[in-house]
Amino acid sequence: VLVSVMKADAAVPRRESRTVMSGFTLPTHDMIHSAVREAPAEQKTLLLRLIDLAQTLSDMLALFSAQHGLSERDCHALAVLSSHDAITAKSLGQLCHMHKTGISRVIRSLAERKLITCERNHLDLRKVTLVMTPSGAALGREIVMAAAQLTDRLERGMPRTERDNLHNALLSITARMKQIARVDSAPVRQRHVSSAAL
């Protein structure tokens, strides 16, 4: 459950500026959350409930991250790195659902804190392999343990059938959201290709 919500939250844009698409203005992340807070419970749609849940989880993770002087994305990356002896920067970005610029910032932050080392491929200098330092590995294990404990607290008292149904529903919703995102972003990508060709 925790991982599914983290992935969904990572996909929500957090910029203050609005994005214009197909002649209308998309609401910003903060605008949507304001609507969630102000809407009566019976008017909260599935999307708003998911965003509300993601924000609540994000607030909880922010508290934990702040205790270690890290960002939420830094913590997420360390948790992913904990399950790999070595991983490329590109693969880490894909697993964390971050674009190239975002994962570059995370890698720089973790390297500056000496939580990871970056080793360049001698055959292809564009490729960078990331390896956790002993202090990084220790912090990564702590983050994974904290996430496991939070998951246990969330699921405690929840019947197995209800928990399985929730997992399946989140998987289904996540897959559907990705499908919708691909369809909705196709015209935007096509416009960028057309503009570049002019």
C-alpha atoms as a PDB file:
ATOM      1  CA  VAL A   1       0.000   0.000   0.000  1.00  0.00           C
ATOM      2  CA  LEU A   2       2.761   2.416   1.020  1.00  0.00           C
ATOM      3  CA  VAL A   3       4.752   1.894  -2.187  1.00  0.00           C
ATOM      4  CA  SER A   4       1.669   2.280  -4.394  1.00  0.00           C
ATOM      5  CA  VAL A   5       0.719   5.593  -2.795  1.00  0.00           C
ATOM      6  CA  MET A   6       4.315   6.855  -2.975  1.00  0.00           C
ATOM      7  CA  LYS A   7       4.405   6.121  -6.702  1.00  0.00           C
ATOM      8  CA  ALA A   8       1.114   7.910  -7.248  1.00  0.00           C
ATOM      9  CA  ASP A   9       2.288  10.912  -5.238  1.00  0.00           C
ATOM     10  CA  ALA A  10       5.578  11.055  -7.156  1.00  0.00           C
ATOM     11  CA  ALA A  11       3.641  11.442 -10.379  1.00  0.00           C
ATOM     12  CA  VAL A  12       1.712  14.513  -9.172  1.00  0.00           C
ATOM     13  CA  PRO A  13       3.325  17.787 -10.321  1.00  0.00           C
ATOM     14  CA  ARG A  14       4.210  20.154  -7.457  1.00  0.00           C
ATOM     15  CA  ARG A  15       5.030  23.307  -9.385  1.00  0.00           C
ATOM     16  CA  GLU A  16       3.141  26.452  -8.531  1.00  0.00           C
ATOM     17  CA  SER A  17       2.735  27.485 -12.178  1.00  0.00           C
ATOM     18  CA  ARG A  18      -0.206  26.294 -14.240  1.00  0.00           C
ATOM     19  CA  THR A  19       0.118  24.170 -17.360  1.00  0.00           C
ATOM     20  CA  VAL A  20      -1.971  25.137 -20.386  1.00  0.00           C
ATOM     21  CA  MET A  21      -3.113  22.264 -22.589  1.00  0.00           C
ATOM     22  CA  SER A  22      -5.645  22.093 -25.417  1.00  0.00           C
ATOM     23  CA  GLY A  23      -7.032  25.565 -24.682  1.00  0.00           C
ATOM     24  CA  PHE A  24      -7.714  25.206 -20.958  1.00  0.00           C
ATOM     25  CA  THR A  25      -5.693  25.648 -17.788  1.00  0.00           C
ATOM     26  CA  LEU A  26      -4.880  22.631 -15.664  1.00  0.00           C
ATOM     27  CA  PRO A  27      -5.184  23.104 -11.881  1.00  0.00           C
ATOM     28  CA  THR A  28      -1.946  23.147  -9.933  1.00  0.00           C
ATOM     29  CA  HIS A  29      -1.080  20.633  -7.200  1.00  0.00           C
ATOM     30  CA  ASP A  30      -1.858  23.200  -4.466  1.00  0.00           C
ATOM     31  CA  MET A  31      -5.175  24.157  -6.097  1.00  0.00           C
ATOM     32  CA  ILE A  32      -6.292  20.527  -6.081  1.00  0.00           C
ATOM     33  CA  HIS A  33      -5.330  20.105  -2.435  1.00  0.00           C
ATOM     34  CA  SER A  34      -7.269  23.224  -1.507  1.00  0.00           C
ATOM     35  CA  ALA A  35     -10.321  21.716  -3.189  1.00  0.00           C
ATOM     36  CA  VAL A  36      -9.786  18.490  -1.235  1.00  0.00           C
ATOM     37  CA  ARG A  37      -9.616  20.275   2.092  1.00  0.00           C
ATOM     38  CA  GLU A  38     -12.672  22.435   1.446  1.00  0.00           C
ATOM     39  CA  ALA A  39     -14.984  19.891  -0.194  1.00  0.00           C
ATOM     40  CA  PRO A  40     -17.620  18.123   1.948  1.00  0.00           C
ATOM     41  CA  ALA A  41     -16.851  14.446   2.526  1.00  0.00           C
ATOM     42  CA  GLU A  42     -19.720  13.272   0.290  1.00  0.00           C
ATOM     43  CA  GLN A  43     -18.383  15.341  -2.618  1.00  0.00           C
ATOM     44  CA  LYS A  44     -14.861  13.953  -2.585  1.00  0.00           C
ATOM     45  CA  THR A  45     -14.360  11.983  -5.762  1.00  0.00           C
ATOM     46  CA  LEU A  46     -11.994   9.030  -6.099  1.00  0.00           C
ATOM     47  CA  LEU A  47      -9.271  11.254  -7.553  1.00  0.00           C
ATOM     48  CA  LEU A  48      -9.534  13.788  -4.734  1.00  0.00           C
ATOM     49  CA  ARG A  49      -9.518  11.039  -2.111  1.00  0.00           C
ATOM     50  CA  LEU A  50      -6.359   9.571  -3.631  1.00  0.00           C
ATOM     51  CA  ILE A  51      -4.676  12.980  -3.702  1.00  0.00           C
ATOM     52  CA  ASP A  52      -5.766  13.610  -0.112  1.00  0.00           C
ATOM     53  CA  LEU A  53      -4.273  10.243   0.894  1.00  0.00           C
ATOM     54  CA  ALA A  54      -1.059  10.965  -1.019  1.00  0.00           C
ATOM     55  CA  GLN A  55      -0.709  14.354   0.702  1.00  0.00           C
ATOM     56  CA  THR A  56      -1.265  12.825   4.145  1.00  0.00           C
ATOM     57  CA  LEU A  57       1.390  10.208   3.437  1.00  0.00           C
ATOM     58  CA  SER A  58       3.702  12.854   2.013  1.00  0.00           C
ATOM     59  CA  ASP A  59       3.374  14.871   5.226  1.00  0.00           C
ATOM     60  CA  MET A  60       4.282  11.794   7.278  1.00  0.00           C
ATOM     61  CA  LEU A  61       7.293  11.026   5.080  1.00  0.00           C
ATOM     62  CA  ALA A  62       8.393  14.669   5.207  1.00  0.00           C
ATOM     63  CA  LEU A  63       8.585  14.443   9.006  1.00  0.00           C
ATOM     64  CA  PHE A  64      10.798  11.356   8.814  1.00  0.00           C
ATOM     65  CA  SER A  65      12.956  12.855   6.056  1.00  0.00           C
ATOM     66  CA  ALA A  66      13.448  16.088   7.996  1.00  0.00           C
ATOM     67  CA  GLN A  67      14.781  14.144  10.974  1.00  0.00           C
ATOM     68  CA  HIS A  68      17.708  13.066   8.785  1.00  0.00           C
ATOM     69  CA  GLY A  69      18.080  16.339   6.914  1.00  0.00           C
ATOM     70  CA  LEU A  70      16.977  14.698   3.668  1.00  0.00           C
ATOM     71  CA  SER A  71      14.250  15.379   1.149  1.00  0.00           C
ATOM     72  CA  GLU A  72      11.462  12.877   0.542  1.00  0.00           C
ATOM     73  CA  ARG A  73      13.003  12.057  -2.832  1.00  0.00           C
ATOM     74  CA  ASP A  74      16.400  11.431  -1.212  1.00  0.00           C
ATOM     75  CA  CYS A  75      14.771   8.972   1.209  1.00  0.00           C
ATOM     76  CA  HIS A  76      12.888   7.271  -1.602  1.00  0.00           C
ATOM     77  CA  ALA A  77      16.097   6.869  -3.619  1.00  0.00           C
ATOM     78  CA  LEU A  78      17.990   5.455  -0.620  1.00  0.00           C
ATOM     79  CA  ALA A  79      15.221   2.924  -0.025  1.00  0.00           C
ATOM     80  CA  VAL A  80      15.456   1.798  -3.663  1.00  0.00           C
ATOM     81  CA  LEU A  81      19.263   1.709  -3.550  1.00  0.00           C
ATOM     82  CA  SER A  82      19.086  -0.519  -0.458  1.00  0.00           C
ATOM     83  CA  SER A  83      17.899  -3.420  -2.595  1.00  0.00           C
ATOM     84  CA  HIS A  84      20.748  -3.100  -5.134  1.00  0.00           C
ATOM     85  CA  ASP A  85      24.483  -3.624  -4.738  1.00  0.00           C
ATOM     86  CA  ALA A  86      25.037  -1.245  -7.648  1.00  0.00           C
ATOM     87  CA  ILE A  87      22.679   0.491 -10.054  1.00  0.00           C
ATOM     88  CA  THR A  88      22.944   2.960 -12.920  1.00  0.00           C
ATOM     89  CA  ALA A  89      21.646   6.498 -12.536  1.00  0.00           C
ATOM     90  CA  LYS A  90      19.183   5.862 -15.359  1.00  0.00           C
ATOM     91  CA  SER A  91      17.770   2.742 -13.683  1.00  0.00           C
ATOM     92  CA  LEU A  92      17.435   4.549 -10.349  1.00  0.00           C
ATOM     93  CA  GLY A  93      15.466   7.322 -12.047  1.00  0.00           C
ATOM     94  CA  GLN A  94      13.124   4.784 -13.629  1.00  0.00           C
ATOM     95  CA  LEU A  95      12.578   2.906 -10.360  1.00  0.00           C
ATOM     96  CA  CYS A  96      11.935   6.158  -8.479  1.00  0.00           C
ATOM     97  CA  HIS A  97       9.677   7.493 -11.260  1.00  0.00           C
ATOM     98  CA  MET A  98      11.778  10.650 -11.603  1.00  0.00           C
ATOM     99  CA  HIS A  99      12.811  12.477 -14.745  1.00  0.00           C
ATOM    100  CA  LYS A 100      16.487  13.046 -15.605  1.00  0.00           C
ATOM    101  CA  THR A 101      16.768  16.462 -13.930  1.00  0.00           C
ATOM    102  CA  GLY A 102      15.098  15.287 -10.708  1.00  0.00           C
ATOM    103  CA  ILE A 103      17.235  12.173 -10.290  1.00  0.00           C
ATOM    104  CA  SER A 104      20.392  14.178 -11.046  1.00  0.00           C
ATOM    105  CA  ARG A 105      19.584  16.488  -8.116  1.00  0.00           C
ATOM    106  CA  VAL A 106      18.968  13.510  -5.834  1.00  0.00           C
ATOM    107  CA  ILE A 107      22.237  11.848  -6.845  1.00  0.00           C
ATOM    108  CA  ARG A 108      24.165  15.083  -6.282  1.00  0.00           C
ATOM    109  CA  SER A 109      22.556  15.523  -2.848  1.00  0.00           C
ATOM    110  CA  LEU A 110      23.325  11.957  -1.740  1.00  0.00           C
ATOM    111  CA  ALA A 111      26.889  12.134  -3.085  1.00  0.00           C
ATOM    112  CA  GLU A 112      27.561  15.424  -1.263  1.00  0.00           C
ATOM    113  CA  ARG A 113      26.455  13.775   1.993  1.00  0.00           C
ATOM    114  CA  LYS A 114      28.768  10.824   1.188  1.00  0.00           C
ATOM    115  CA  LEU A 115      25.840   8.394   1.216  1.00  0.00           C
ATOM    116  CA  ILE A 116      26.678   7.091  -2.273  1.00  0.00           C
ATOM    117  CA  THR A 117      29.652   7.021  -4.623  1.00  0.00           C
ATOM    118  CA  CYS A 118      29.377   7.600  -8.361  1.00  0.00           C
ATOM    119  CA  GLU A 119      31.555   5.475 -10.629  1.00  0.00           C
ATOM    120  CA  ARG A 120      31.779   6.318 -14.331  1.00  0.00           C
ATOM    121  CA  ASN A 121      31.882   3.572 -16.933  1.00  0.00           C
ATOM    122  CA  HIS A 122      35.314   3.733 -18.613  1.00  0.00           C
ATOM    123  CA  LEU A 123      33.835   2.444 -21.875  1.00  0.00           C
ATOM    124  CA  ASP A 124      30.945   4.917 -21.847  1.00  0.00           C
ATOM    125  CA  LEU A 125      31.519   8.030 -19.723  1.00  0.00           C
ATOM    126  CA  ARG A 126      27.820   8.929 -19.998  1.00  0.00           C
ATOM    127  CA  LYS A 127      26.934   5.966 -17.784  1.00  0.00           C
ATOM    128  CA  VAL A 128      27.278   6.331 -14.011  1.00  0.00           C
ATOM    129  CA  THR A 129      27.014   3.450 -11.553  1.00  0.00           C
ATOM    130  CA  LEU A 130      25.839   4.278  -8.041  1.00  0.00           C
ATOM    131  CA  VAL A 131      27.089   2.385  -4.990  1.00  0.00           C
ATOM    132  CA  MET A 132      26.032   3.043  -1.399  1.00  0.00           C
ATOM    133  CA  THR A 133      28.692   3.905   1.168  1.00  0.00           C
ATOM    134  CA  PRO A 134      28.568   2.161   4.578  1.00  0.00           C
ATOM    135  CA  SER A 135      26.805   5.182   6.106  1.00  0.00           C
ATOM    136  CA  GLY A 136      24.410   5.308   3.149  1.00  0.00           C
ATOM    137  CA  ALA A 137      23.634   1.602   3.477  1.00  0.00           C
ATOM    138  CA  ALA A 138      22.954   1.996   7.201  1.00  0.00           C
ATOM    139  CA  LEU A 139      20.597   4.916   6.611  1.00  0.00           C
ATOM    140  CA  GLY A 140      18.931   3.042   3.756  1.00  0.00           C
ATOM    141  CA  ARG A 141      18.222   0.082   6.034  1.00  0.00           C
ATOM    142  CA  GLU A 142      16.767   2.438   8.634  1.00  0.00           C
ATOM    143  CA  ILE A 143      14.458   3.983   6.026  1.00  0.00           C
ATOM    144  CA  VAL A 144      13.302   0.571   4.787  1.00  0.00           C
ATOM    145  CA  MET A 145      12.652  -0.571   8.368  1.00  0.00           C
ATOM    146  CA  ALA A 146      10.690   2.592   9.144  1.00  0.00           C
ATOM    147  CA  ALA A 147       8.599   2.081   6.003  1.00  0.00           C
ATOM    148  CA  ALA A 148       7.910  -1.541   7.001  1.00  0.00           C
ATOM    149  CA  GLN A 149       6.832  -0.440  10.469  1.00  0.00           C
ATOM    150  CA  LEU A 150       4.521   2.216   9.029  1.00  0.00           C
ATOM    151  CA  THR A 151       3.027  -0.331   6.628  1.00  0.00           C
ATOM    152  CA  ASP A 152       2.412  -2.699   9.556  1.00  0.00           C
ATOM    153  CA  ARG A 153       0.669   0.085  11.497  1.00  0.00           C
ATOM    154  CA  LEU A 154      -1.498   0.950   8.486  1.00  0.00           C
ATOM    155  CA  GLU A 155      -2.551  -2.662   7.916  1.00  0.00           C
ATOM    156  CA  ARG A 156      -2.937  -3.631  11.581  1.00  0.00           C
ATOM    157  CA  GLY A 157      -6.492  -4.701  12.315  1.00  0.00           C
ATOM    158  CA  MET A 158      -7.389  -4.790   8.630  1.00  0.00           C
ATOM    159  CA  PRO A 159      -8.858  -8.178   7.582  1.00  0.00           C
ATOM    160  CA  ARG A 160      -6.703 -10.002   5.019  1.00  0.00           C
ATOM    161  CA  THR A 161      -9.473  -9.960   2.417  1.00  0.00           C
ATOM    162  CA  GLU A 162      -9.899  -6.199   2.793  1.00  0.00           C
ATOM    163  CA  ARG A 163      -6.140  -5.689   2.581  1.00  0.00           C
ATOM    164  CA  ASP A 164      -5.854  -7.827  -0.562  1.00  0.00           C
ATOM    165  CA  ASN A 165      -8.767  -5.985  -2.163  1.00  0.00           C
ATOM    166  CA  LEU A 166      -7.115  -2.657  -1.367  1.00  0.00           C
ATOM    167  CA  HIS A 167      -3.803  -3.773  -2.895  1.00  0.00           C
ATOM    168  CA  ASN A 168      -5.547  -4.972  -6.053  1.00  0.00           C
ATOM    169  CA  ALA A 169      -7.576  -1.761  -6.302  1.00  0.00           C
ATOM    170  CA  LEU A 170      -4.453   0.400  -5.979  1.00  0.00           C
ATOM    171  CA  LEU A 171      -2.651  -1.645  -8.640  1.00  0.00           C
ATOM    172  CA  SER A 172      -5.637  -1.296 -10.969  1.00  0.00           C
ATOM    173  CA  ILE A 173      -5.974   2.456 -10.340  1.00  0.00           C
ATOM    174  CA  THR A 174      -2.229   3.031 -10.841  1.00  0.00           C
ATOM    175  CA  ALA A 175      -2.258   1.128 -14.149  1.00  0.00           C
ATOM    176  CA  ARG A 176      -5.311   3.065 -15.309  1.00  0.00           C
ATOM    177  CA  MET A 177      -3.767   6.420 -14.344  1.00  0.00           C
ATOM    178  CA  LYS A 178      -0.610   5.591 -16.323  1.00  0.00           C
ATOM    179  CA  GLN A 179      -2.733   4.656 -19.322  1.00  0.00           C
ATOM    180  CA  ILE A 180      -4.665   7.935 -19.131  1.00  0.00           C
ATOM    181  CA  ALA A 181      -1.412   9.896 -18.722  1.00  0.00           C
ATOM    182  CA  ARG A 182       0.030   8.302 -21.877  1.00  0.00           C
ATOM    183  CA  VAL A 183      -3.080   9.132 -23.891  1.00  0.00           C
ATOM    184  CA  ASP A 184      -3.359  12.711 -22.580  1.00  0.00           C
ATOM    185  CA  SER A 185       0.329  13.476 -23.085  1.00  0.00           C
ATOM    186  CA  ALA A 186       0.423  12.155 -26.664  1.00  0.00           C
ATOM    187  CA  PRO A 187      -0.885  15.410 -28.277  1.00  0.00           C
ATOM    188  CA  VAL A 188       1.610  17.445 -26.251  1.00  0.00           C
ATOM    189  CA  ARG A 189       4.511  15.243 -27.371  1.00  0.00           C
ATOM    190  CA  GLN A 190       3.310  15.434 -30.953  1.00  0.00           C
ATOM    191  CA  ARG A 191       3.193  19.256 -30.799  1.00  0.00           C
ATOM    192  CA  HIS A 192       6.759  19.318 -29.484  1.00  0.00           C
ATOM    193  CA  VAL A 193       7.903  17.068 -32.354  1.00  0.00           C
ATOM    194  CA  SER A 194       6.092  19.210 -34.910  1.00  0.00           C
ATOM    195  CA  SER A 195       7.575  22.432 -33.470  1.00  0.00           C
ATOM    196  CA  ALA A 196      11.071  20.992 -33.545  1.00  0.00           C
ATOM    197  CA  ALA A 197      10.631  20.048 -37.204  1.00  0.00           C
ATOM    198  CA  LEU A 198       9.721  23.625 -38.233  1.00  0.00           C
END
